[in-house]
């Protein structure tokens, strides 16, 4: 590439910066134009149908970091209120409704104590009173809710 282009370093962007990123490994930008390189190919303009907002990438990265740290710090705990009041869990909740699909996908992948966060973020609770305490039934209720509301 010539000197007019700079490699986009996602780590250096603030959450307010928005760029269109291709699903390719090397990304370059010049002013507001985005192009990318393929292995053994010339620089090509990116098809906007595959765009991904850098803000979304940063949210996903932060979410993943918080989940990893939360699990690490609460692995030895058994009381729900201790698990849900962990600083990392609370920081996930503080990220707001943007993380609802991420939390639901995480619950879909692995049963965990996401119910407190979901109830707060979604301002609802689809779990029937008779199912409280039944982790599998609670998980299914939230996953069904997520599907019916377009999050999954």
C-alpha atoms as a PDB file:
ATOM      1  CA  UNK A   1       0.000   0.000   0.000  1.00  0.00           C
ATOM      2  CA  UNK A   2       1.205   3.535  -0.615  1.00  0.00           C
ATOM      3  CA  UNK A   3       1.658   6.147   2.095  1.00  0.00           C
ATOM      4  CA  UNK A   4      -1.857   7.530   1.666  1.00  0.00           C
ATOM      5  CA  UNK A   5      -3.391   4.636   3.580  1.00  0.00           C
ATOM      6  CA  UNK A   6      -3.064   3.759   7.240  1.00  0.00           C
ATOM      7  CA  UNK A   7      -3.847   0.401   8.770  1.00  0.00           C
ATOM      8  CA  UNK A   8      -6.917   0.623  10.989  1.00  0.00           C
ATOM      9  CA  UNK A   9      -6.073  -0.380  14.551  1.00  0.00           C
ATOM     10  CA  UNK A  10      -9.363  -1.163  16.291  1.00  0.00           C
ATOM     11  CA  UNK A  11      -7.697  -0.884  19.717  1.00  0.00           C
ATOM     12  CA  UNK A  12      -6.923   2.802  19.135  1.00  0.00           C
ATOM     13  CA  UNK A  13     -10.489   3.824  18.310  1.00  0.00           C
ATOM     14  CA  UNK A  14     -12.814   5.331  20.861  1.00  0.00           C
ATOM     15  CA  UNK A  15     -16.314   3.938  21.240  1.00  0.00           C
ATOM     16  CA  UNK A  16     -17.636   7.053  19.472  1.00  0.00           C
ATOM     17  CA  UNK A  17     -15.667   6.401  16.274  1.00  0.00           C
ATOM     18  CA  UNK A  18     -17.669   4.542  13.651  1.00  0.00           C
ATOM     19  CA  UNK A  19     -16.140   2.851  10.638  1.00  0.00           C
ATOM     20  CA  UNK A  20     -17.334   0.212   8.229  1.00  0.00           C
ATOM     21  CA  UNK A  21     -15.200  -2.897   8.558  1.00  0.00           C
ATOM     22  CA  UNK A  22     -15.114  -5.839   6.179  1.00  0.00           C
ATOM     23  CA  UNK A  23     -14.923  -9.400   7.395  1.00  0.00           C
ATOM     24  CA  UNK A  24     -11.346  -9.546   6.108  1.00  0.00           C
ATOM     25  CA  UNK A  25      -8.142  -9.511   8.151  1.00  0.00           C
ATOM     26  CA  UNK A  26      -6.431  -6.313   6.940  1.00  0.00           C
ATOM     27  CA  UNK A  27      -8.325  -3.048   6.881  1.00  0.00           C
ATOM     28  CA  UNK A  28      -7.117   0.301   5.513  1.00  0.00           C
ATOM     29  CA  UNK A  29      -8.861   3.645   5.408  1.00  0.00           C
ATOM     30  CA  UNK A  30      -8.307   6.958   3.663  1.00  0.00           C
ATOM     31  CA  UNK A  31     -10.391   9.781   5.054  1.00  0.00           C
ATOM     32  CA  UNK A  32     -13.906   8.279   5.000  1.00  0.00           C
ATOM     33  CA  UNK A  33     -13.327   5.601   2.389  1.00  0.00           C
ATOM     34  CA  UNK A  34     -12.760   2.031   3.527  1.00  0.00           C
ATOM     35  CA  UNK A  35     -10.952  -0.545   1.473  1.00  0.00           C
ATOM     36  CA  UNK A  36      -9.453  -3.882   2.331  1.00  0.00           C
ATOM     37  CA  UNK A  37      -6.933  -6.337   1.037  1.00  0.00           C
ATOM     38  CA  UNK A  38      -7.419 -10.018   0.386  1.00  0.00           C
ATOM     39  CA  UNK A  39      -4.615 -12.525   0.429  1.00  0.00           C
ATOM     40  CA  UNK A  40      -3.014 -12.364  -3.035  1.00  0.00           C
ATOM     41  CA  UNK A  41      -5.509  -9.749  -4.260  1.00  0.00           C
ATOM     42  CA  UNK A  42      -5.568  -6.030  -4.949  1.00  0.00           C
ATOM     43  CA  UNK A  43      -7.182  -3.515  -2.649  1.00  0.00           C
ATOM     44  CA  UNK A  44     -10.911  -3.647  -3.282  1.00  0.00           C
ATOM     45  CA  UNK A  45     -13.778  -1.458  -2.214  1.00  0.00           C
ATOM     46  CA  UNK A  46     -15.811  -3.081   0.490  1.00  0.00           C
ATOM     47  CA  UNK A  47     -19.365  -4.237  -0.132  1.00  0.00           C
ATOM     48  CA  UNK A  48     -21.439  -2.308   2.432  1.00  0.00           C
ATOM     49  CA  UNK A  49     -23.796  -5.264   2.915  1.00  0.00           C
ATOM     50  CA  UNK A  50     -21.083  -6.779   5.162  1.00  0.00           C
ATOM     51  CA  UNK A  51     -20.473  -3.664   7.233  1.00  0.00           C
ATOM     52  CA  UNK A  52     -19.809  -3.882  10.952  1.00  0.00           C
ATOM     53  CA  UNK A  53     -19.712  -0.836  13.190  1.00  0.00           C
ATOM     54  CA  UNK A  54     -16.493  -0.466  15.211  1.00  0.00           C
ATOM     55  CA  UNK A  55     -18.600   0.661  18.159  1.00  0.00           C
ATOM     56  CA  UNK A  56     -20.293  -2.751  18.074  1.00  0.00           C
ATOM     57  CA  UNK A  57     -16.901  -4.476  17.974  1.00  0.00           C
ATOM     58  CA  UNK A  58     -15.771  -2.494  21.013  1.00  0.00           C
ATOM     59  CA  UNK A  59     -18.970  -3.356  22.903  1.00  0.00           C
ATOM     60  CA  UNK A  60     -18.547  -7.054  22.125  1.00  0.00           C
ATOM     61  CA  UNK A  61     -14.907  -6.968  23.208  1.00  0.00           C
ATOM     62  CA  UNK A  62     -15.728  -5.190  26.490  1.00  0.00           C
ATOM     63  CA  UNK A  63     -18.620  -7.583  27.121  1.00  0.00           C
ATOM     64  CA  UNK A  64     -16.371 -10.613  26.546  1.00  0.00           C
ATOM     65  CA  UNK A  65     -13.709  -9.220  28.918  1.00  0.00           C
ATOM     66  CA  UNK A  66     -16.283  -8.559  31.636  1.00  0.00           C
ATOM     67  CA  UNK A  67     -17.875 -12.019  31.252  1.00  0.00           C
ATOM     68  CA  UNK A  68     -14.485 -13.716  31.476  1.00  0.00           C
ATOM     69  CA  UNK A  69     -13.510 -11.760  34.582  1.00  0.00           C
ATOM     70  CA  UNK A  70     -16.961 -12.246  36.167  1.00  0.00           C
ATOM     71  CA  UNK A  71     -16.802 -16.006  35.712  1.00  0.00           C
ATOM     72  CA  UNK A  72     -13.272 -16.103  37.061  1.00  0.00           C
ATOM     73  CA  UNK A  73     -14.180 -14.115  40.170  1.00  0.00           C
ATOM     74  CA  UNK A  74     -17.453 -15.926  40.914  1.00  0.00           C
ATOM     75  CA  UNK A  75     -16.577 -19.530  40.031  1.00  0.00           C
ATOM     76  CA  UNK A  76     -16.360 -20.452  43.715  1.00  0.00           C
ATOM     77  CA  UNK A  77     -19.611 -18.707  44.729  1.00  0.00           C
ATOM     78  CA  UNK A  78     -23.004 -20.357  45.054  1.00  0.00           C
ATOM     79  CA  UNK A  79     -25.251 -17.542  46.268  1.00  0.00           C
ATOM     80  CA  UNK A  80     -27.017 -15.747  43.412  1.00  0.00           C
ATOM     81  CA  UNK A  81     -26.874 -12.335  45.059  1.00  0.00           C
ATOM     82  CA  UNK A  82     -23.092 -12.620  45.429  1.00  0.00           C
ATOM     83  CA  UNK A  83     -22.729 -13.679  41.802  1.00  0.00           C
ATOM     84  CA  UNK A  84     -25.021 -10.905  40.516  1.00  0.00           C
ATOM     85  CA  UNK A  85     -23.487  -8.144  42.640  1.00  0.00           C
ATOM     86  CA  UNK A  86     -19.993  -8.806  41.339  1.00  0.00           C
ATOM     87  CA  UNK A  87     -18.476  -5.620  39.912  1.00  0.00           C
ATOM     88  CA  UNK A  88     -18.029  -7.103  36.411  1.00  0.00           C
ATOM     89  CA  UNK A  89     -21.626  -8.345  36.280  1.00  0.00           C
ATOM     90  CA  UNK A  90     -22.824  -4.904  37.341  1.00  0.00           C
ATOM     91  CA  UNK A  91     -20.653  -3.305  34.655  1.00  0.00           C
ATOM     92  CA  UNK A  92     -22.341  -5.549  32.069  1.00  0.00           C
ATOM     93  CA  UNK A  93     -25.727  -4.321  33.284  1.00  0.00           C
ATOM     94  CA  UNK A  94     -24.447  -0.737  33.143  1.00  0.00           C
ATOM     95  CA  UNK A  95     -23.712  -1.198  29.422  1.00  0.00           C
ATOM     96  CA  UNK A  96     -27.482  -1.000  28.958  1.00  0.00           C
ATOM     97  CA  UNK A  97     -29.938  -2.619  26.546  1.00  0.00           C
ATOM     98  CA  UNK A  98     -27.287  -2.800  23.813  1.00  0.00           C
ATOM     99  CA  UNK A  99     -25.980  -5.979  25.453  1.00  0.00           C
ATOM    100  CA  UNK A 100     -29.330  -7.806  25.585  1.00  0.00           C
ATOM    101  CA  UNK A 101     -28.536  -9.892  22.459  1.00  0.00           C
ATOM    102  CA  UNK A 102     -25.051 -10.644  23.805  1.00  0.00           C
ATOM    103  CA  UNK A 103     -26.402 -11.793  27.168  1.00  0.00           C
ATOM    104  CA  UNK A 104     -29.068 -13.930  25.499  1.00  0.00           C
ATOM    105  CA  UNK A 105     -26.499 -15.529  23.166  1.00  0.00           C
ATOM    106  CA  UNK A 106     -24.281 -16.199  26.163  1.00  0.00           C
ATOM    107  CA  UNK A 107     -27.223 -17.823  27.959  1.00  0.00           C
ATOM    108  CA  UNK A 108     -27.948 -19.838  24.812  1.00  0.00           C
ATOM    109  CA  UNK A 109     -24.361 -21.140  24.748  1.00  0.00           C
ATOM    110  CA  UNK A 110     -24.092 -21.847  28.455  1.00  0.00           C
ATOM    111  CA  UNK A 111     -26.560 -21.896  31.322  1.00  0.00           C
ATOM    112  CA  UNK A 112     -25.464 -19.273  33.817  1.00  0.00           C
ATOM    113  CA  UNK A 113     -26.849 -16.658  36.198  1.00  0.00           C
ATOM    114  CA  UNK A 114     -27.971 -14.101  33.608  1.00  0.00           C
ATOM    115  CA  UNK A 115     -31.554 -13.792  34.866  1.00  0.00           C
ATOM    116  CA  UNK A 116     -30.963 -10.836  37.188  1.00  0.00           C
ATOM    117  CA  UNK A 117     -29.258  -8.876  34.396  1.00  0.00           C
ATOM    118  CA  UNK A 118     -31.902  -9.773  31.828  1.00  0.00           C
ATOM    119  CA  UNK A 119     -34.768  -8.780  34.089  1.00  0.00           C
ATOM    120  CA  UNK A 120     -33.147  -5.412  34.712  1.00  0.00           C
ATOM    121  CA  UNK A 121     -32.080  -4.756  31.100  1.00  0.00           C
ATOM    122  CA  UNK A 122     -35.358  -5.901  29.517  1.00  0.00           C
ATOM    123  CA  UNK A 123     -37.639  -4.494  32.216  1.00  0.00           C
ATOM    124  CA  UNK A 124     -39.654  -7.694  32.158  1.00  0.00           C
ATOM    125  CA  UNK A 125     -39.538 -11.244  33.453  1.00  0.00           C
ATOM    126  CA  UNK A 126     -40.969 -13.982  31.237  1.00  0.00           C
ATOM    127  CA  UNK A 127     -40.349 -16.669  33.882  1.00  0.00           C
ATOM    128  CA  UNK A 128     -43.576 -18.090  35.320  1.00  0.00           C
ATOM    129  CA  UNK A 129     -43.783 -18.047  39.132  1.00  0.00           C
ATOM    130  CA  UNK A 130     -43.956 -21.848  39.195  1.00  0.00           C
ATOM    131  CA  UNK A 131     -40.634 -22.035  37.295  1.00  0.00           C
ATOM    132  CA  UNK A 132     -38.631 -19.834  39.671  1.00  0.00           C
ATOM    133  CA  UNK A 133     -35.612 -21.759  40.888  1.00  0.00           C
ATOM    134  CA  UNK A 134     -35.728 -24.184  37.955  1.00  0.00           C
ATOM    135  CA  UNK A 135     -32.659 -22.987  36.026  1.00  0.00           C
ATOM    136  CA  UNK A 136     -33.517 -24.902  32.841  1.00  0.00           C
ATOM    137  CA  UNK A 137     -37.097 -23.581  32.773  1.00  0.00           C
ATOM    138  CA  UNK A 138     -35.876 -20.034  33.476  1.00  0.00           C
ATOM    139  CA  UNK A 139     -33.294 -20.319  30.706  1.00  0.00           C
ATOM    140  CA  UNK A 140     -35.903 -21.602  28.241  1.00  0.00           C
ATOM    141  CA  UNK A 141     -38.321 -18.804  29.170  1.00  0.00           C
ATOM    142  CA  UNK A 142     -35.675 -16.152  28.498  1.00  0.00           C
ATOM    143  CA  UNK A 143     -34.495 -17.754  25.258  1.00  0.00           C
ATOM    144  CA  UNK A 144     -38.099 -17.972  24.016  1.00  0.00           C
ATOM    145  CA  UNK A 145     -38.618 -14.333  24.997  1.00  0.00           C
ATOM    146  CA  UNK A 146     -35.421 -13.389  23.132  1.00  0.00           C
ATOM    147  CA  UNK A 147     -36.576 -15.179  19.978  1.00  0.00           C
ATOM    148  CA  UNK A 148     -40.049 -13.655  20.085  1.00  0.00           C
ATOM    149  CA  UNK A 149     -38.592 -10.153  20.507  1.00  0.00           C
ATOM    150  CA  UNK A 150     -36.002 -10.490  17.725  1.00  0.00           C
ATOM    151  CA  UNK A 151     -32.870 -10.714  19.878  1.00  0.00           C
ATOM    152  CA  UNK A 152     -31.996 -14.263  18.849  1.00  0.00           C
END
